[in-house]
Protein backbone atom coordinates (compact mmCIF):
# COMPACT_ATOMS: atom_id res chain seq x y z
CA MET A 1 187.49 17.12 -29.88
CA PRO A 2 188.82 15.30 -32.98
CA SER A 3 186.15 14.39 -35.55
CA ALA A 4 187.11 10.73 -35.33
CA ALA A 5 186.41 10.76 -31.59
CA ARG A 6 182.91 12.18 -32.13
CA VAL A 7 181.75 9.13 -34.07
CA LEU A 8 182.89 6.65 -31.45
CA PRO A 9 179.90 4.72 -30.08
CA VAL A 10 179.06 5.22 -26.41
CA ALA A 11 179.98 1.63 -25.60
CA LEU A 12 183.10 -0.25 -24.63
CA CYS A 13 185.71 -0.31 -27.35
CA LEU A 14 188.77 -2.27 -26.28
CA LEU A 15 191.56 -2.78 -28.79
CA SER A 16 194.27 -5.31 -27.94
CA VAL A 17 197.40 -4.48 -29.88
CA VAL A 18 201.10 -5.23 -29.73
CA LEU A 19 202.66 -2.81 -27.25
CA GLY A 20 203.98 0.34 -28.78
CA THR A 21 205.11 3.67 -27.47
CA ALA A 22 202.32 5.93 -26.19
CA PRO A 23 203.57 9.52 -26.64
CA HIS A 24 202.71 12.14 -23.99
CA ALA A 25 201.26 9.44 -21.76
CA ALA A 26 200.69 10.05 -18.05
CA ALA A 27 202.31 7.18 -16.17
CA ALA A 28 201.93 6.15 -12.56
CA ALA A 29 205.39 5.89 -10.95
CA ASP A 30 206.91 2.38 -11.11
CA THR A 31 203.66 0.79 -12.27
CA GLY A 32 204.51 -0.33 -15.78
CA TRP A 33 201.39 1.31 -17.22
CA SER A 34 200.42 4.72 -18.63
CA VAL A 35 197.43 6.75 -19.77
CA ALA A 36 196.99 9.09 -22.76
CA PRO A 37 194.28 10.53 -25.03
CA VAL A 38 193.48 8.34 -28.03
CA GLY A 39 194.91 9.72 -31.27
CA GLY A 40 198.47 10.37 -30.13
CA GLY A 41 200.29 13.66 -29.73
CA ARG A 42 197.73 15.22 -27.36
CA PRO A 43 198.95 16.06 -23.85
CA SER A 44 195.36 16.58 -22.62
CA PHE A 45 191.72 16.31 -23.59
CA TYR A 46 189.98 19.33 -25.08
CA ALA A 47 186.24 19.74 -25.67
CA GLU A 48 184.05 22.64 -26.73
CA GLY A 49 180.30 23.10 -27.02
CA PRO A 50 177.26 25.08 -25.86
CA PRO A 51 175.42 24.21 -22.62
CA GLY A 52 173.65 20.85 -22.74
CA THR A 53 175.94 19.35 -25.39
CA VAL A 54 177.28 15.79 -24.96
CA LEU A 55 180.82 15.42 -26.35
CA GLN A 56 182.77 12.20 -26.97
CA ASP A 57 186.41 11.13 -26.77
CA ALA A 58 188.42 8.08 -25.71
CA VAL A 59 191.27 7.35 -23.31
CA SER A 60 194.07 4.87 -23.89
CA VAL A 61 195.49 2.75 -21.04
CA THR A 62 198.73 0.94 -21.89
CA ASN A 63 199.92 -2.05 -19.83
CA SER A 64 203.64 -2.41 -20.51
CA GLY A 65 204.14 -4.95 -17.72
CA ARG A 66 204.28 -8.74 -17.80
CA ALA A 67 201.13 -9.31 -15.73
CA PRO A 68 197.47 -8.37 -16.28
CA LEU A 69 196.45 -4.94 -15.09
CA VAL A 70 193.14 -4.10 -13.41
CA VAL A 71 192.19 -0.41 -13.37
CA ARG A 72 189.23 1.84 -12.59
CA LEU A 73 188.44 5.06 -14.47
CA SER A 74 186.80 8.22 -13.17
CA GLY A 75 186.52 11.92 -13.91
CA THR A 76 186.91 15.01 -11.72
CA SER A 77 185.06 18.35 -11.71
CA LEU A 78 183.21 17.62 -14.97
CA ARG A 79 180.36 15.22 -15.71
CA THR A 80 182.29 12.32 -17.27
CA VAL A 81 180.72 8.97 -18.18
CA PHE A 82 182.95 6.07 -19.29
CA ALA A 83 181.82 3.15 -21.45
CA ARG A 84 183.25 1.02 -18.68
CA GLN A 85 184.54 2.14 -15.31
CA SER A 86 186.74 -0.88 -14.58
CA LEU A 87 188.58 -3.33 -16.82
CA SER A 88 191.38 -5.86 -16.92
CA ILE A 89 194.13 -5.31 -19.49
CA PRO A 90 196.42 -8.22 -20.49
CA ALA A 91 200.21 -7.84 -20.33
CA ARG A 92 201.82 -5.76 -23.07
CA THR A 93 198.45 -4.56 -24.32
CA ARG A 94 196.74 -1.22 -24.83
CA ALA A 95 193.03 -0.69 -24.24
CA GLU A 96 190.94 2.24 -25.50
CA VAL A 97 187.85 3.27 -23.55
CA PRO A 98 185.32 5.81 -24.95
CA PHE A 99 183.76 8.38 -22.64
CA THR A 100 181.41 11.35 -22.83
CA LEU A 101 181.58 14.85 -21.39
CA THR A 102 178.36 16.78 -20.79
CA VAL A 103 178.40 20.55 -20.87
CA PRO A 104 176.21 21.61 -17.90
CA VAL A 105 172.87 23.20 -18.77
CA GLY A 106 173.00 26.87 -17.84
CA ALA A 107 176.81 26.92 -17.65
CA ALA A 108 178.44 30.30 -18.21
CA PRO A 109 180.65 30.74 -21.28
CA GLY A 110 184.31 30.13 -20.52
CA VAL A 111 186.79 27.36 -19.78
CA ARG A 112 186.31 24.67 -17.13
CA SER A 113 188.96 22.21 -16.02
CA GLY A 114 188.85 18.60 -14.91
CA ALA A 115 190.78 15.36 -15.35
CA VAL A 116 190.50 11.71 -16.35
CA VAL A 117 191.84 9.59 -13.49
CA VAL A 118 192.96 5.95 -13.79
CA ARG A 119 193.69 3.95 -10.62
CA ASP A 120 195.12 0.44 -10.36
CA ALA A 121 194.43 -2.21 -7.72
CA HIS A 122 197.32 -0.94 -5.57
CA GLY A 123 195.93 2.60 -5.37
CA ARG A 124 198.44 4.11 -7.81
CA THR A 125 196.96 6.71 -10.15
CA ALA A 126 197.66 8.47 -13.43
CA THR A 127 195.73 11.51 -14.66
CA VAL A 128 195.20 13.36 -17.93
CA PRO A 129 193.92 16.99 -17.81
CA VAL A 130 190.58 17.88 -19.42
CA ARG A 131 189.76 21.37 -20.66
CA LEU A 132 186.14 22.12 -21.50
CA ARG A 133 185.23 25.37 -23.23
CA VAL A 134 181.60 26.34 -22.80
CA GLY A 135 180.27 28.21 -25.82
CA GLY A 136 177.44 30.71 -26.08
CA PRO A 137 176.99 34.47 -25.75
CA ALA A 138 178.25 36.23 -22.64
CA LEU A 139 175.39 38.09 -20.94
CA ALA A 140 175.82 40.18 -17.79
CA ALA A 141 172.52 40.74 -15.98
CA LEU A 142 171.38 41.01 -12.35
CA THR A 143 168.41 42.04 -10.23
CA VAL A 144 168.00 43.59 -6.77
CA GLU A 145 165.13 41.96 -4.88
CA HIS A 146 163.43 41.92 -1.45
CA LEU A 147 164.76 45.33 -0.39
CA ALA A 148 163.75 46.12 3.20
CA VAL A 149 164.66 48.87 5.67
CA HIS A 150 165.09 47.87 9.33
CA ALA A 151 165.93 49.65 12.58
CA ASP A 152 169.67 49.81 11.91
CA SER A 153 170.26 48.11 8.55
CA ILE A 154 169.09 47.64 4.97
CA THR A 155 168.71 44.09 3.61
CA TYR A 156 168.38 42.95 0.01
CA ASP A 157 168.94 40.04 -2.38
CA LEU A 158 171.21 40.03 -5.43
CA VAL A 159 170.43 37.54 -8.22
CA ASN A 160 172.67 36.81 -11.20
CA ARG A 161 170.32 36.60 -14.19
CA GLY A 162 173.04 36.35 -16.83
CA THR A 163 175.63 33.87 -18.08
CA THR A 164 178.81 35.37 -16.64
CA VAL A 165 180.32 35.55 -13.16
CA LEU A 166 179.60 38.96 -11.63
CA VAL A 167 181.49 41.10 -9.12
CA PRO A 168 178.86 43.76 -8.30
CA ARG A 169 179.23 47.36 -7.10
CA LEU A 170 176.70 49.01 -4.77
CA ALA A 171 175.61 52.62 -4.26
CA VAL A 172 173.10 53.60 -1.54
CA ARG A 173 171.13 56.77 -0.99
CA ALA A 174 168.16 57.78 1.16
CA ASP A 175 166.02 60.91 0.80
CA GLY A 176 164.02 62.24 3.74
CA VAL A 177 161.40 64.94 4.12
CA LEU A 178 164.00 67.70 4.37
CA GLY A 179 166.55 66.29 1.92
CA ARG A 180 169.12 63.55 1.52
CA VAL A 181 170.06 61.71 4.72
CA LEU A 182 172.30 58.97 3.28
CA ASP A 183 174.62 59.01 0.27
CA ARG A 184 177.20 56.22 -0.15
CA ALA A 185 179.38 56.23 -3.26
CA PRO A 186 179.61 53.03 -5.37
CA ARG A 187 181.91 50.39 -3.92
CA THR A 188 182.77 46.79 -4.89
CA LEU A 189 180.97 44.16 -2.82
CA PRO A 190 182.98 41.18 -1.47
CA VAL A 191 180.98 38.61 -3.46
CA ARG A 192 181.32 36.67 -6.72
CA LEU A 193 177.98 35.68 -8.19
CA ARG A 194 177.90 32.68 -10.50
CA PRO A 195 175.11 32.50 -13.09
CA GLY A 196 171.80 31.79 -11.39
CA ALA A 197 173.18 32.41 -7.89
CA ARG A 198 171.27 34.38 -5.26
CA VAL A 199 172.80 35.99 -2.17
CA ARG A 200 171.25 37.97 0.70
CA LEU A 201 173.26 40.97 1.87
CA SER A 202 172.93 43.57 4.62
CA GLU A 203 173.95 47.22 4.54
CA PRO A 204 174.49 48.74 8.02
CA TRP A 205 172.77 52.05 8.81
CA PRO A 206 173.42 52.77 12.51
CA ASP A 207 172.97 56.56 12.23
CA ARG A 208 169.57 56.60 10.55
CA PRO A 209 167.21 59.49 11.39
CA ALA A 210 165.21 59.20 14.61
CA LEU A 211 162.17 60.92 13.10
CA ASP A 212 161.69 61.02 9.33
CA ALA A 213 159.98 59.50 6.30
CA VAL A 214 162.63 58.25 3.84
CA ASP A 215 162.91 56.62 0.43
CA VAL A 216 165.94 54.29 0.22
CA THR A 217 167.41 53.54 -3.23
CA LEU A 218 169.99 50.84 -4.00
CA THR A 219 171.82 50.89 -7.33
CA VAL A 220 173.89 47.82 -8.28
CA THR A 221 176.15 47.53 -11.32
CA ALA A 222 178.67 44.99 -12.64
CA PRO A 223 181.13 44.80 -15.56
CA GLY A 224 179.49 43.94 -18.84
CA GLY A 225 176.57 46.33 -18.47
CA ALA A 226 174.67 44.67 -15.62
CA HIS A 227 172.53 47.23 -13.78
CA ASP A 228 169.49 47.33 -11.52
CA THR A 229 167.86 49.71 -9.02
CA ALA A 230 165.41 49.07 -6.18
CA THR A 231 163.59 51.51 -3.87
CA ALA A 232 161.82 51.04 -0.54
CA SER A 233 160.11 53.49 1.83
CA ALA A 234 160.31 53.64 5.62
CA ARG A 235 158.95 55.81 8.44
CA PHE A 236 161.05 56.37 11.55
CA VAL A 237 159.35 57.44 14.83
CA PRO A 238 161.08 57.74 18.24
CA TRP A 239 159.23 55.13 20.26
CA ALA A 240 159.84 56.77 23.67
CA SER A 241 158.27 60.05 22.53
CA ALA A 242 155.51 58.15 20.77
CA ALA A 243 154.79 56.20 23.96
CA GLU A 244 154.67 59.39 26.05
CA ALA A 245 152.43 61.07 23.47
CA GLY A 246 150.26 58.01 23.36
CA GLY A 247 149.95 57.93 27.17
CA ALA A 248 148.96 61.59 27.27
CA ALA A 249 146.42 61.01 24.51
CA LEU A 250 144.93 58.07 26.39
CA ALA A 251 144.69 60.12 29.60
CA ALA A 252 142.97 62.95 27.75
CA ALA A 253 140.59 60.52 26.06
CA GLY A 254 139.73 59.00 29.47
CA ALA A 255 138.99 62.39 30.96
CA VAL A 256 136.74 63.33 28.06
CA LEU A 257 134.91 60.01 28.31
CA ALA A 258 134.35 60.45 32.06
CA LEU A 259 133.05 63.94 31.52
CA ARG A 260 130.66 62.76 28.81
CA ARG A 261 129.31 60.06 31.10
CA ARG A 262 128.75 62.54 33.92
CA ARG A 263 127.01 64.96 31.57
CA GLY A 264 124.72 62.20 30.40
CA ARG A 265 123.24 61.54 33.88
CA THR A 266 119.80 62.84 34.98
CA PRO A 267 118.59 63.82 38.49
CA HIS A 268 117.00 60.38 38.78
CA ASP A 269 120.49 58.88 38.63
CA VAL A 270 121.00 59.96 42.27
CA SER A 271 118.77 58.61 45.05
CA PRO A 272 118.45 60.68 48.26
CA GLY A 273 119.30 59.18 51.61
CA PRO A 274 116.64 58.55 54.20
CA ALA A 275 116.99 61.92 55.88
CA GLU A 276 118.04 63.91 52.84
CA THR A 277 116.10 66.10 50.53
CA PRO A 278 116.66 65.52 46.83
CA CYS A 279 119.25 67.91 45.47
CA SER A 280 119.35 69.43 42.03
CA GLY A 281 121.35 67.61 39.44
CA ALA A 282 123.43 70.72 38.87
CA GLU A 283 125.18 70.34 42.19
CA LEU A 284 126.17 66.71 41.54
CA THR A 285 126.82 66.45 37.83
CA GLY A 286 127.68 69.91 36.76
CA GLY A 287 124.75 69.74 34.38
CA VAL A 288 121.78 72.06 34.39
CA SER A 289 118.40 70.47 34.99
CA ARG A 290 115.58 71.58 32.81
């Protein structure tokens, strides 16, 4: 912004002057008033600074009509604070209103667009474009987090840890006991990650092995040198076979337990009937009495 604009106080500064021509002014149709950046000759506002910087400028509203003009001022897309949001301007008078633009903390380097909007009591508007260039080094960085392997998919988070917008590329591979079971070449993902953004994604894997122990590796890259890799392990077991094997194991365990119980009995465990003679334990338990 012009050096003169930077020293303007953040307070209302209204200058009543004899009406003159306001070059490059944005005028609302058939209103008799117009809007332009203070200083003349500028078709739009321009500001530049690193994240967190507060920049100053001023807007001029010219009332060329024969009656007082009441207007309200606002900004779009950018954090804009005016010394006064509404004012009344006498006939054939120009008013200058200071305002500040704040560069968002953590904003990525590049150009952002907005506008100063002036609206009169009848709803008619005039706008002046604002271009804000965010300074600072461009850093491309990302991480792959919370990688997990499921029955038919692989889920993971991508986090933009840099200062630039990223369009990542993904490569997937999985290595099993007998070799590689999945190998997908790098491809561009349908996402645009702004600085600080996190997104959860899912990679389908419908033809995974039915029985295997695998290590799944995801490699993500993006223009500017961003790169990260994550690995997770998984064991796949066919549940039907496991259930059958488990049932057979339980049956075998039950038989062994029953046999052990029978072997542990003594001849005193069996009482003879009234007319019966005690029998040897060998005939009832399969054990040998001593």
